[in-house]
Amino acid sequence: MKYSIECEREEDGRWLAEVPEHTRCVLAYGDTAEEAMSKAQVLALRVLAERLDHGEARPVDISIAVATV
């Protein structure tokens, strides 16, 4: 399973990072692009861990790529 993190700057100066491949909405804001992407990565892994914990998914190899928009 491969996830990518897309990151862009909002008009108010905050950074928004998103994991578009996730079946659940994974969005995170940060003061910097790095902070937003880090938060998005943590959220994506937490969602995957929760799905595994509840038997909704099977263990898979994952990789995460970063794409700054």
C-alpha atoms as a PDB file:
ATOM      1  CA  MET A   1       0.000   0.000   0.000  1.00  0.00           C
ATOM      2  CA  LYS A   2       1.413   3.371  -0.970  1.00  0.00           C
ATOM      3  CA  TYR A   3       0.317   6.684   0.486  1.00  0.00           C
ATOM      4  CA  SER A   4       1.323  10.120  -0.685  1.00  0.00           C
ATOM      5  CA  ILE A   5       1.136  13.349   1.253  1.00  0.00           C
ATOM      6  CA  GLU A   6       0.106  16.450  -0.656  1.00  0.00           C
ATOM      7  CA  CYS A   7       0.864  19.776   0.971  1.00  0.00           C
ATOM      8  CA  GLU A   8      -0.133  23.306   0.064  1.00  0.00           C
ATOM      9  CA  ARG A   9      -0.194  26.714   1.688  1.00  0.00           C
ATOM     10  CA  GLU A  10      -3.567  28.209   2.535  1.00  0.00           C
ATOM     11  CA  GLU A  11      -4.397  31.889   1.996  1.00  0.00           C
ATOM     12  CA  ASP A  12      -4.106  32.528   5.749  1.00  0.00           C
ATOM     13  CA  GLY A  13      -0.500  31.253   5.739  1.00  0.00           C
ATOM     14  CA  ARG A  14      -1.138  27.868   7.346  1.00  0.00           C
ATOM     15  CA  TRP A  15      -0.013  24.687   5.622  1.00  0.00           C
ATOM     16  CA  LEU A  16      -2.489  21.916   4.849  1.00  0.00           C
ATOM     17  CA  ALA A  17      -1.332  18.344   4.269  1.00  0.00           C
ATOM     18  CA  GLU A  18      -3.597  15.591   2.965  1.00  0.00           C
ATOM     19  CA  VAL A  19      -3.298  11.856   2.326  1.00  0.00           C
ATOM     20  CA  PRO A  20      -5.655  11.474  -0.672  1.00  0.00           C
ATOM     21  CA  GLU A  21      -5.436   7.669  -0.952  1.00  0.00           C
ATOM     22  CA  HIS A  22      -6.833   7.107   2.527  1.00  0.00           C
ATOM     23  CA  THR A  23     -10.415   5.871   2.629  1.00  0.00           C
ATOM     24  CA  ARG A  24     -11.010   8.171   5.590  1.00  0.00           C
ATOM     25  CA  CYS A  25     -10.325  11.881   5.520  1.00  0.00           C
ATOM     26  CA  VAL A  26      -6.741  12.529   6.638  1.00  0.00           C
ATOM     27  CA  LEU A  27      -6.024  16.261   6.767  1.00  0.00           C
ATOM     28  CA  ALA A  28      -3.634  18.142   9.031  1.00  0.00           C
ATOM     29  CA  TYR A  29      -2.672  21.777   9.458  1.00  0.00           C
ATOM     30  CA  GLY A  30       0.680  23.148  10.582  1.00  0.00           C
ATOM     31  CA  ASP A  31       2.612  26.382  10.827  1.00  0.00           C
ATOM     32  CA  THR A  32       5.181  24.927   8.418  1.00  0.00           C
ATOM     33  CA  ALA A  33       4.938  22.433   5.569  1.00  0.00           C
ATOM     34  CA  GLU A  34       7.072  19.974   7.533  1.00  0.00           C
ATOM     35  CA  GLU A  35       4.789  20.193  10.576  1.00  0.00           C
ATOM     36  CA  ALA A  36       1.635  19.655   8.513  1.00  0.00           C
ATOM     37  CA  MET A  37       3.149  16.694   6.638  1.00  0.00           C
ATOM     38  CA  SER A  38       4.399  15.122   9.859  1.00  0.00           C
ATOM     39  CA  LYS A  39       0.945  15.422  11.436  1.00  0.00           C
ATOM     40  CA  ALA A  40      -0.688  13.939   8.328  1.00  0.00           C
ATOM     41  CA  GLN A  41       1.715  11.005   8.361  1.00  0.00           C
ATOM     42  CA  VAL A  42       0.963  10.325  12.039  1.00  0.00           C
ATOM     43  CA  LEU A  43      -2.793  10.484  11.384  1.00  0.00           C
ATOM     44  CA  ALA A  44      -2.557   8.126   8.397  1.00  0.00           C
ATOM     45  CA  LEU A  45      -0.625   5.582  10.447  1.00  0.00           C
ATOM     46  CA  ARG A  46      -3.070   5.901  13.361  1.00  0.00           C
ATOM     47  CA  VAL A  47      -6.035   5.283  11.059  1.00  0.00           C
ATOM     48  CA  LEU A  48      -4.306   2.224   9.590  1.00  0.00           C
ATOM     49  CA  ALA A  49      -3.418   0.934  13.073  1.00  0.00           C
ATOM     50  CA  GLU A  50      -7.017   1.385  14.220  1.00  0.00           C
ATOM     51  CA  ARG A  51      -8.310  -0.515  11.179  1.00  0.00           C
ATOM     52  CA  LEU A  52      -5.873  -3.364  11.874  1.00  0.00           C
ATOM     53  CA  ASP A  53      -6.818  -3.378  15.545  1.00  0.00           C
ATOM     54  CA  HIS A  54     -10.505  -3.744  14.677  1.00  0.00           C
ATOM     55  CA  GLY A  55      -9.948  -6.377  12.000  1.00  0.00           C
ATOM     56  CA  GLU A  56     -10.984  -4.042   9.162  1.00  0.00           C
ATOM     57  CA  ALA A  57      -7.712  -4.489   7.272  1.00  0.00           C
ATOM     58  CA  ARG A  58      -4.932  -7.011   6.985  1.00  0.00           C
ATOM     59  CA  PRO A  59      -1.256  -6.157   7.555  1.00  0.00           C
ATOM     60  CA  VAL A  60       0.409  -4.749   4.428  1.00  0.00           C
ATOM     61  CA  ASP A  61       3.718  -3.176   3.503  1.00  0.00           C
ATOM     62  CA  ILE A  62       3.357   0.597   3.268  1.00  0.00           C
ATOM     63  CA  SER A  63       5.469   3.415   1.921  1.00  0.00           C
ATOM     64  CA  ILE A  64       4.842   7.134   2.213  1.00  0.00           C
ATOM     65  CA  ALA A  65       5.880   9.662  -0.432  1.00  0.00           C
ATOM     66  CA  VAL A  66       5.752  13.435  -0.022  1.00  0.00           C
ATOM     67  CA  ALA A  67       4.546  15.777  -2.764  1.00  0.00           C
ATOM     68  CA  THR A  68       4.613  19.526  -2.082  1.00  0.00           C
ATOM     69  CA  VAL A  69       2.141  21.487  -4.211  1.00  0.00           C
END
